[in-house]
Amino acid sequence: MPQITIDYSDTMENAFDREGFARALHEATVEIAAAKPEACKTQFRPSAYTAFGYEDPGARGHAFVHVTIGLLAGRSDETKAKLTERVLHLLREHVADTAFRLHASAEVCDLDPSYRKFDR
């Protein structure tokens, strides 16, 4: 915990400072949601194919990024909203201003009570 997953268009591969974003996101998650730094884990999943509305699926004028943060239950809605807002702010800082239109979103959700983990 937290489990962080970032799905994004590979069209923004060179414009997305993933390392800097992950570091800043982990710091924000510790600060806002009282997570332990060593517990923060982020997985980046580039998508080679992303469609937008009715446009040609191969069009390169758009890019997409969605951040999902799964936390153990117990955080208030206000805490989750504050973290989500910080995520969007950090995306603005870590995605270079390029020719594509960026569609960015984020959500913070509770992990299911069945969540378990182990460290080796």
C-alpha atoms as a PDB file:
ATOM      1  CA  MET A   1       0.000   0.000   0.000  1.00  0.00           C
ATOM      2  CA  PRO A   2      -0.362   2.365  -1.716  1.00  0.00           C
ATOM      3  CA  GLN A   3      -0.757   0.682  -5.081  1.00  0.00           C
ATOM      4  CA  ILE A   4      -0.296   3.269  -7.825  1.00  0.00           C
ATOM      5  CA  THR A   5      -0.955   2.542 -11.480  1.00  0.00           C
ATOM      6  CA  ILE A   6      -0.399   5.012 -14.295  1.00  0.00           C
ATOM      7  CA  ASP A   7      -1.849   4.306 -17.732  1.00  0.00           C
ATOM      8  CA  TYR A   8      -0.709   6.636 -20.483  1.00  0.00           C
ATOM      9  CA  SER A   9      -0.496   7.032 -24.243  1.00  0.00           C
ATOM     10  CA  ASP A  10       2.888   6.075 -25.571  1.00  0.00           C
ATOM     11  CA  THR A  11       2.666   9.161 -27.810  1.00  0.00           C
ATOM     12  CA  MET A  12       3.769  11.140 -24.765  1.00  0.00           C
ATOM     13  CA  GLU A  13       6.655   8.799 -23.887  1.00  0.00           C
ATOM     14  CA  ASN A  14       9.342  11.445 -24.479  1.00  0.00           C
ATOM     15  CA  ALA A  15       7.298  14.243 -22.900  1.00  0.00           C
ATOM     16  CA  PHE A  16       6.525  12.463 -19.608  1.00  0.00           C
ATOM     17  CA  ASP A  17       9.130  12.698 -16.831  1.00  0.00           C
ATOM     18  CA  ARG A  18       8.070   9.439 -15.216  1.00  0.00           C
ATOM     19  CA  GLU A  19      10.915   9.265 -12.700  1.00  0.00           C
ATOM     20  CA  GLY A  20      10.358  12.813 -11.453  1.00  0.00           C
ATOM     21  CA  PHE A  21       6.594  12.317 -11.391  1.00  0.00           C
ATOM     22  CA  ALA A  22       6.843   9.079  -9.369  1.00  0.00           C
ATOM     23  CA  ARG A  23       9.181  10.670  -6.837  1.00  0.00           C
ATOM     24  CA  ALA A  24       6.902  13.712  -6.405  1.00  0.00           C
ATOM     25  CA  LEU A  25       3.803  11.520  -6.282  1.00  0.00           C
ATOM     26  CA  HIS A  26       5.287   9.324  -3.560  1.00  0.00           C
ATOM     27  CA  GLU A  27       6.190  12.419  -1.531  1.00  0.00           C
ATOM     28  CA  ALA A  28       2.644  13.770  -1.928  1.00  0.00           C
ATOM     29  CA  THR A  29       1.108  10.429  -0.946  1.00  0.00           C
ATOM     30  CA  VAL A  30       3.217  10.328   2.210  1.00  0.00           C
ATOM     31  CA  GLU A  31       2.403  13.945   3.062  1.00  0.00           C
ATOM     32  CA  ILE A  32      -1.328  13.886   2.316  1.00  0.00           C
ATOM     33  CA  ALA A  33      -2.417  10.298   2.944  1.00  0.00           C
ATOM     34  CA  ALA A  34       0.095   9.367   5.688  1.00  0.00           C
ATOM     35  CA  ALA A  35       1.542   6.507   3.627  1.00  0.00           C
ATOM     36  CA  LYS A  36       4.945   5.107   4.488  1.00  0.00           C
ATOM     37  CA  PRO A  37       7.608   6.060   1.912  1.00  0.00           C
ATOM     38  CA  GLU A  38       8.868   2.484   1.569  1.00  0.00           C
ATOM     39  CA  ALA A  39       5.323   1.293   0.849  1.00  0.00           C
ATOM     40  CA  CYS A  40       4.817   3.508  -2.224  1.00  0.00           C
ATOM     41  CA  LYS A  41       4.907   1.470  -5.431  1.00  0.00           C
ATOM     42  CA  THR A  42       4.136   2.812  -8.899  1.00  0.00           C
ATOM     43  CA  GLN A  43       3.655   0.910 -12.117  1.00  0.00           C
ATOM     44  CA  PHE A  44       3.679   2.768 -15.461  1.00  0.00           C
ATOM     45  CA  ARG A  45       1.711   1.139 -18.280  1.00  0.00           C
ATOM     46  CA  PRO A  46       2.153   2.755 -21.698  1.00  0.00           C
ATOM     47  CA  SER A  47      -0.563   2.093 -24.247  1.00  0.00           C
ATOM     48  CA  ALA A  48       0.434   1.731 -27.881  1.00  0.00           C
ATOM     49  CA  TYR A  49      -3.146   2.247 -29.015  1.00  0.00           C
ATOM     50  CA  THR A  50      -5.495   4.922 -27.675  1.00  0.00           C
ATOM     51  CA  ALA A  51      -8.670   6.223 -29.370  1.00  0.00           C
ATOM     52  CA  PHE A  52     -10.320   9.591 -28.720  1.00  0.00           C
ATOM     53  CA  GLY A  53     -13.963  10.232 -29.544  1.00  0.00           C
ATOM     54  CA  TYR A  54     -14.742   9.744 -33.227  1.00  0.00           C
ATOM     55  CA  GLU A  55     -11.286  10.723 -34.440  1.00  0.00           C
ATOM     56  CA  ASP A  56      -8.990   8.485 -36.429  1.00  0.00           C
ATOM     57  CA  PRO A  57      -7.534   6.071 -33.840  1.00  0.00           C
ATOM     58  CA  GLY A  58      -4.078   6.639 -35.293  1.00  0.00           C
ATOM     59  CA  ALA A  59      -4.287  10.420 -34.844  1.00  0.00           C
ATOM     60  CA  ARG A  60      -1.318  11.737 -32.872  1.00  0.00           C
ATOM     61  CA  GLY A  61      -2.953  14.996 -31.721  1.00  0.00           C
ATOM     62  CA  HIS A  62      -4.092  13.668 -28.326  1.00  0.00           C
ATOM     63  CA  ALA A  63      -2.485  12.000 -25.342  1.00  0.00           C
ATOM     64  CA  PHE A  64      -4.006  10.365 -22.291  1.00  0.00           C
ATOM     65  CA  VAL A  65      -2.836   9.725 -18.741  1.00  0.00           C
ATOM     66  CA  HIS A  66      -4.859   8.279 -15.874  1.00  0.00           C
ATOM     67  CA  VAL A  67      -3.506   7.756 -12.363  1.00  0.00           C
ATOM     68  CA  THR A  68      -5.147   5.320  -9.953  1.00  0.00           C
ATOM     69  CA  ILE A  69      -4.047   5.269  -6.323  1.00  0.00           C
ATOM     70  CA  GLY A  70      -5.296   2.414  -4.167  1.00  0.00           C
ATOM     71  CA  LEU A  71      -5.076   3.029  -0.417  1.00  0.00           C
ATOM     72  CA  LEU A  72      -6.108   1.009   2.594  1.00  0.00           C
ATOM     73  CA  ALA A  73      -9.543   2.134   3.771  1.00  0.00           C
ATOM     74  CA  GLY A  74      -9.831   4.877   6.350  1.00  0.00           C
ATOM     75  CA  ARG A  75      -8.915   8.088   4.547  1.00  0.00           C
ATOM     76  CA  SER A  76     -11.571  10.783   4.411  1.00  0.00           C
ATOM     77  CA  ASP A  77     -13.121  11.934   1.148  1.00  0.00           C
ATOM     78  CA  GLU A  78     -11.372  15.273   1.704  1.00  0.00           C
ATOM     79  CA  THR A  79      -7.977  13.561   1.943  1.00  0.00           C
ATOM     80  CA  LYS A  80      -8.646  11.585  -1.229  1.00  0.00           C
ATOM     81  CA  ALA A  81      -9.777  14.724  -3.079  1.00  0.00           C
ATOM     82  CA  LYS A  82      -6.703  16.655  -1.924  1.00  0.00           C
ATOM     83  CA  LEU A  83      -4.418  13.873  -3.162  1.00  0.00           C
ATOM     84  CA  THR A  84      -6.245  13.703  -6.496  1.00  0.00           C
ATOM     85  CA  GLU A  85      -5.846  17.456  -6.989  1.00  0.00           C
ATOM     86  CA  ARG A  86      -2.137  17.180  -6.193  1.00  0.00           C
ATOM     87  CA  VAL A  87      -1.775  14.375  -8.753  1.00  0.00           C
ATOM     88  CA  LEU A  88      -3.264  16.587 -11.476  1.00  0.00           C
ATOM     89  CA  HIS A  89      -0.977  19.453 -10.449  1.00  0.00           C
ATOM     90  CA  LEU A  90       2.057  17.153 -10.596  1.00  0.00           C
ATOM     91  CA  LEU A  91       1.066  15.903 -14.049  1.00  0.00           C
ATOM     92  CA  ARG A  92       1.057  19.508 -15.276  1.00  0.00           C
ATOM     93  CA  GLU A  93       4.609  19.847 -13.955  1.00  0.00           C
ATOM     94  CA  HIS A  94       5.964  16.546 -15.305  1.00  0.00           C
ATOM     95  CA  VAL A  95       4.450  16.383 -18.784  1.00  0.00           C
ATOM     96  CA  ALA A  96       6.174  18.732 -21.188  1.00  0.00           C
ATOM     97  CA  ASP A  97       4.014  21.173 -23.111  1.00  0.00           C
ATOM     98  CA  THR A  98       3.963  19.621 -26.570  1.00  0.00           C
ATOM     99  CA  ALA A  99       1.763  19.677 -29.648  1.00  0.00           C
ATOM    100  CA  PHE A 100      -0.666  17.050 -28.332  1.00  0.00           C
ATOM    101  CA  ARG A 101      -3.788  17.784 -26.306  1.00  0.00           C
ATOM    102  CA  LEU A 102      -3.387  16.125 -22.903  1.00  0.00           C
ATOM    103  CA  HIS A 103      -6.362  14.375 -21.297  1.00  0.00           C
ATOM    104  CA  ALA A 104      -5.375  13.800 -17.659  1.00  0.00           C
ATOM    105  CA  SER A 105      -7.368  12.246 -14.847  1.00  0.00           C
ATOM    106  CA  ALA A 106      -6.815  10.682 -11.452  1.00  0.00           C
ATOM    107  CA  GLU A 107      -8.692   8.804  -8.767  1.00  0.00           C
ATOM    108  CA  VAL A 108      -7.971   7.636  -5.250  1.00  0.00           C
ATOM    109  CA  CYS A 109      -9.865   4.567  -4.135  1.00  0.00           C
ATOM    110  CA  ASP A 110      -9.943   2.186  -1.198  1.00  0.00           C
ATOM    111  CA  LEU A 111      -8.318  -1.173  -1.682  1.00  0.00           C
ATOM    112  CA  ASP A 112     -10.685  -4.078  -1.275  1.00  0.00           C
ATOM    113  CA  PRO A 113     -10.724  -5.652   2.216  1.00  0.00           C
ATOM    114  CA  SER A 114      -9.299  -8.811   0.629  1.00  0.00           C
ATOM    115  CA  TYR A 115      -6.043  -6.962  -0.221  1.00  0.00           C
ATOM    116  CA  ARG A 116      -2.956  -8.737   1.056  1.00  0.00           C
ATOM    117  CA  LYS A 117       0.752  -8.401   0.323  1.00  0.00           C
ATOM    118  CA  PHE A 118       4.112  -9.794   1.214  1.00  0.00           C
ATOM    119  CA  ASP A 119       7.634  -8.450   0.989  1.00  0.00           C
ATOM    120  CA  ARG A 120      10.608 -10.647   0.444  1.00  0.00           C
END
